[in-house]
Amino acid sequence: MARFWAKYIDDKVNPIVSSFFKNFHLGPDHYSLGGSGRQPKKVVVSKGEEQKGVIEEIQEQLKTLESELKETKFFGGESLGFVDIAANILVWLLVAQEALGFVGTFTNKTKLPTFI
């Protein structure tokens, strides 16, 4: 089951989240050297109808994953496991949601409360 969910996250969740945060990467060229040192590049996000569609798809994927959590802390139960590590993009999604001003867009207390 762990391999199934890890593959699901890799095949379904990661691509749709990545499509929301276009050009967002933390590789060596994430910073530009200029002026007073290392400056982060601007994050470019999808806009308009594309953004709305991607948000809805992310919410659907998160609903599927939330149903698998079944009121537990981790996908494998009460301890961190393989699927939780594979799902690390969810942590970044939640951080980015707040940092980029999308608070409540993907998760909040009424929709997907398990991820808060």
C-alpha atoms as a PDB file:
ATOM      1  CA  MET A   1       0.000   0.000   0.000  1.00  0.00           C
ATOM      2  CA  ALA A   2       2.857   2.387   0.795  1.00  0.00           C
ATOM      3  CA  ARG A   3       4.284   1.988  -2.708  1.00  0.00           C
ATOM      4  CA  PHE A   4       0.841   2.597  -4.215  1.00  0.00           C
ATOM      5  CA  TRP A   5       0.368   5.874  -2.305  1.00  0.00           C
ATOM      6  CA  ALA A   6       3.931   7.028  -2.943  1.00  0.00           C
ATOM      7  CA  LYS A   7       3.401   6.462  -6.680  1.00  0.00           C
ATOM      8  CA  TYR A   8       0.004   8.199  -6.497  1.00  0.00           C
ATOM      9  CA  ILE A   9       1.639  11.243  -4.922  1.00  0.00           C
ATOM     10  CA  ASP A  10       4.461  11.189  -7.445  1.00  0.00           C
ATOM     11  CA  ASP A  11       2.172  10.750 -10.465  1.00  0.00           C
ATOM     12  CA  LYS A  12      -0.903  12.788  -9.464  1.00  0.00           C
ATOM     13  CA  VAL A  13      -0.128  15.278  -6.704  1.00  0.00           C
ATOM     14  CA  ASN A  14       3.388  16.475  -7.527  1.00  0.00           C
ATOM     15  CA  PRO A  15       2.646  17.434 -11.155  1.00  0.00           C
ATOM     16  CA  ILE A  16      -0.497  19.417 -10.336  1.00  0.00           C
ATOM     17  CA  VAL A  17       1.144  21.261  -7.436  1.00  0.00           C
ATOM     18  CA  SER A  18       4.142  21.988  -9.644  1.00  0.00           C
ATOM     19  CA  SER A  19       1.863  23.370 -12.338  1.00  0.00           C
ATOM     20  CA  PHE A  20       0.460  25.847  -9.827  1.00  0.00           C
ATOM     21  CA  PHE A  21       3.912  27.081  -8.873  1.00  0.00           C
ATOM     22  CA  LYS A  22       5.408  27.473 -12.315  1.00  0.00           C
ATOM     23  CA  ASN A  23       9.143  28.084 -12.440  1.00  0.00           C
ATOM     24  CA  PHE A  24       9.407  27.489  -8.696  1.00  0.00           C
ATOM     25  CA  HIS A  25      12.507  25.533  -7.877  1.00  0.00           C
ATOM     26  CA  LEU A  26      15.231  25.550  -5.286  1.00  0.00           C
ATOM     27  CA  GLY A  27      18.111  24.519  -7.515  1.00  0.00           C
ATOM     28  CA  PRO A  28      21.466  26.296  -7.667  1.00  0.00           C
ATOM     29  CA  ASP A  29      20.054  28.988  -9.944  1.00  0.00           C
ATOM     30  CA  HIS A  30      17.225  29.820  -7.515  1.00  0.00           C
ATOM     31  CA  TYR A  31      19.236  32.793  -6.326  1.00  0.00           C
ATOM     32  CA  SER A  32      20.710  35.535  -8.417  1.00  0.00           C
ATOM     33  CA  LEU A  33      23.946  37.147  -7.351  1.00  0.00           C
ATOM     34  CA  GLY A  34      23.671  40.847  -7.660  1.00  0.00           C
ATOM     35  CA  GLY A  35      23.575  43.953  -5.590  1.00  0.00           C
ATOM     36  CA  SER A  36      23.924  43.104  -1.919  1.00  0.00           C
ATOM     37  CA  GLY A  37      24.211  39.332  -2.317  1.00  0.00           C
ATOM     38  CA  ARG A  38      21.890  36.445  -2.965  1.00  0.00           C
ATOM     39  CA  GLN A  39      18.377  37.530  -3.897  1.00  0.00           C
ATOM     40  CA  PRO A  40      15.549  35.020  -4.358  1.00  0.00           C
ATOM     41  CA  LYS A  41      13.974  34.968  -7.803  1.00  0.00           C
ATOM     42  CA  LYS A  42      10.323  35.917  -8.010  1.00  0.00           C
ATOM     43  CA  VAL A  43       7.950  32.968  -7.848  1.00  0.00           C
ATOM     44  CA  VAL A  44       5.655  32.892 -10.864  1.00  0.00           C
ATOM     45  CA  VAL A  45       2.253  31.347 -10.254  1.00  0.00           C
ATOM     46  CA  SER A  46      -0.481  30.419 -12.670  1.00  0.00           C
ATOM     47  CA  LYS A  47      -3.229  33.007 -13.137  1.00  0.00           C
ATOM     48  CA  GLY A  48      -6.912  33.358 -13.946  1.00  0.00           C
ATOM     49  CA  GLU A  49      -8.876  30.352 -15.171  1.00  0.00           C
ATOM     50  CA  GLU A  50      -5.759  28.200 -15.242  1.00  0.00           C
ATOM     51  CA  GLN A  51      -5.159  29.007 -11.566  1.00  0.00           C
ATOM     52  CA  LYS A  52      -8.768  28.246 -10.633  1.00  0.00           C
ATOM     53  CA  GLY A  53      -8.673  24.886 -12.391  1.00  0.00           C
ATOM     54  CA  VAL A  54      -5.365  23.931 -10.812  1.00  0.00           C
ATOM     55  CA  ILE A  55      -6.614  24.909  -7.327  1.00  0.00           C
ATOM     56  CA  GLU A  56      -9.679  22.694  -7.777  1.00  0.00           C
ATOM     57  CA  GLU A  57      -7.521  19.790  -8.939  1.00  0.00           C
ATOM     58  CA  ILE A  58      -5.149  20.216  -5.990  1.00  0.00           C
ATOM     59  CA  GLN A  59      -8.130  20.211  -3.622  1.00  0.00           C
ATOM     60  CA  GLU A  60      -9.431  16.987  -5.186  1.00  0.00           C
ATOM     61  CA  GLN A  61      -6.039  15.305  -4.835  1.00  0.00           C
ATOM     62  CA  LEU A  62      -5.796  16.481  -1.213  1.00  0.00           C
ATOM     63  CA  LYS A  63      -9.290  15.097  -0.477  1.00  0.00           C
ATOM     64  CA  THR A  64      -8.149  11.711  -1.721  1.00  0.00           C
ATOM     65  CA  LEU A  65      -5.048  11.828   0.470  1.00  0.00           C
ATOM     66  CA  GLU A  66      -7.025  13.099   3.456  1.00  0.00           C
ATOM     67  CA  SER A  67      -9.359  10.116   3.241  1.00  0.00           C
ATOM     68  CA  GLU A  68      -6.300   7.868   3.479  1.00  0.00           C
ATOM     69  CA  LEU A  69      -5.075   9.585   6.651  1.00  0.00           C
ATOM     70  CA  LYS A  70      -8.167   8.431   8.558  1.00  0.00           C
ATOM     71  CA  GLU A  71      -7.690  10.696  11.592  1.00  0.00           C
ATOM     72  CA  THR A  72      -4.043   9.671  12.087  1.00  0.00           C
ATOM     73  CA  LYS A  73      -0.980  11.889  12.201  1.00  0.00           C
ATOM     74  CA  PHE A  74       0.824  10.085   9.408  1.00  0.00           C
ATOM     75  CA  PHE A  75      -0.116   8.022   6.380  1.00  0.00           C
ATOM     76  CA  GLY A  76       1.287   4.897   8.005  1.00  0.00           C
ATOM     77  CA  GLY A  77      -0.502   5.419  11.315  1.00  0.00           C
ATOM     78  CA  GLU A  78       1.153   7.015  14.312  1.00  0.00           C
ATOM     79  CA  SER A  79       4.722   7.042  13.022  1.00  0.00           C
ATOM     80  CA  LEU A  80       6.468   8.662  10.085  1.00  0.00           C
ATOM     81  CA  GLY A  81       6.882   6.357   7.119  1.00  0.00           C
ATOM     82  CA  PHE A  82       7.699   6.039   3.435  1.00  0.00           C
ATOM     83  CA  VAL A  83       4.476   7.669   2.197  1.00  0.00           C
ATOM     84  CA  ASP A  84       4.932  10.660   4.493  1.00  0.00           C
ATOM     85  CA  ILE A  85       8.387  11.235   3.074  1.00  0.00           C
ATOM     86  CA  ALA A  86       7.046  10.877  -0.465  1.00  0.00           C
ATOM     87  CA  ALA A  87       4.358  13.438   0.407  1.00  0.00           C
ATOM     88  CA  ASN A  88       6.854  16.123   1.413  1.00  0.00           C
ATOM     89  CA  ILE A  89       5.476  18.408  -1.300  1.00  0.00           C
ATOM     90  CA  LEU A  90       2.386  18.859   0.881  1.00  0.00           C
ATOM     91  CA  VAL A  91       4.484  20.598   3.512  1.00  0.00           C
ATOM     92  CA  TRP A  92       5.781  23.024   0.921  1.00  0.00           C
ATOM     93  CA  LEU A  93       2.296  23.540  -0.468  1.00  0.00           C
ATOM     94  CA  LEU A  94       1.015  24.556   2.957  1.00  0.00           C
ATOM     95  CA  VAL A  95       4.006  26.820   3.603  1.00  0.00           C
ATOM     96  CA  ALA A  96       3.683  28.440   0.169  1.00  0.00           C
ATOM     97  CA  GLN A  97      -0.058  28.869   0.691  1.00  0.00           C
ATOM     98  CA  GLU A  98       0.686  31.169   3.598  1.00  0.00           C
ATOM     99  CA  ALA A  99       3.866  32.805   2.296  1.00  0.00           C
ATOM    100  CA  LEU A 100       2.340  33.765  -1.064  1.00  0.00           C
ATOM    101  CA  GLY A 101      -0.935  35.046   0.333  1.00  0.00           C
ATOM    102  CA  PHE A 102      -3.113  32.081  -0.596  1.00  0.00           C
ATOM    103  CA  VAL A 103      -4.127  31.332   3.008  1.00  0.00           C
ATOM    104  CA  GLY A 104      -7.148  29.048   3.025  1.00  0.00           C
ATOM    105  CA  THR A 105      -6.963  28.393  -0.706  1.00  0.00           C
ATOM    106  CA  PHE A 106      -6.020  24.733  -0.456  1.00  0.00           C
ATOM    107  CA  THR A 107      -6.857  23.901   3.150  1.00  0.00           C
ATOM    108  CA  ASN A 108      -8.702  25.455   6.060  1.00  0.00           C
ATOM    109  CA  LYS A 109     -10.789  24.258   9.004  1.00  0.00           C
ATOM    110  CA  THR A 110     -13.835  23.476   6.848  1.00  0.00           C
ATOM    111  CA  LYS A 111     -12.188  22.019   3.770  1.00  0.00           C
ATOM    112  CA  LEU A 112      -9.441  19.464   4.340  1.00  0.00           C
ATOM    113  CA  PRO A 113      -9.015  20.145   8.090  1.00  0.00           C
ATOM    114  CA  THR A 114      -6.675  17.154   8.516  1.00  0.00           C
ATOM    115  CA  PHE A 115      -3.905  19.005   6.712  1.00  0.00           C
ATOM    116  CA  ILE A 116      -3.948  22.015   9.047  1.00  0.00           C
END
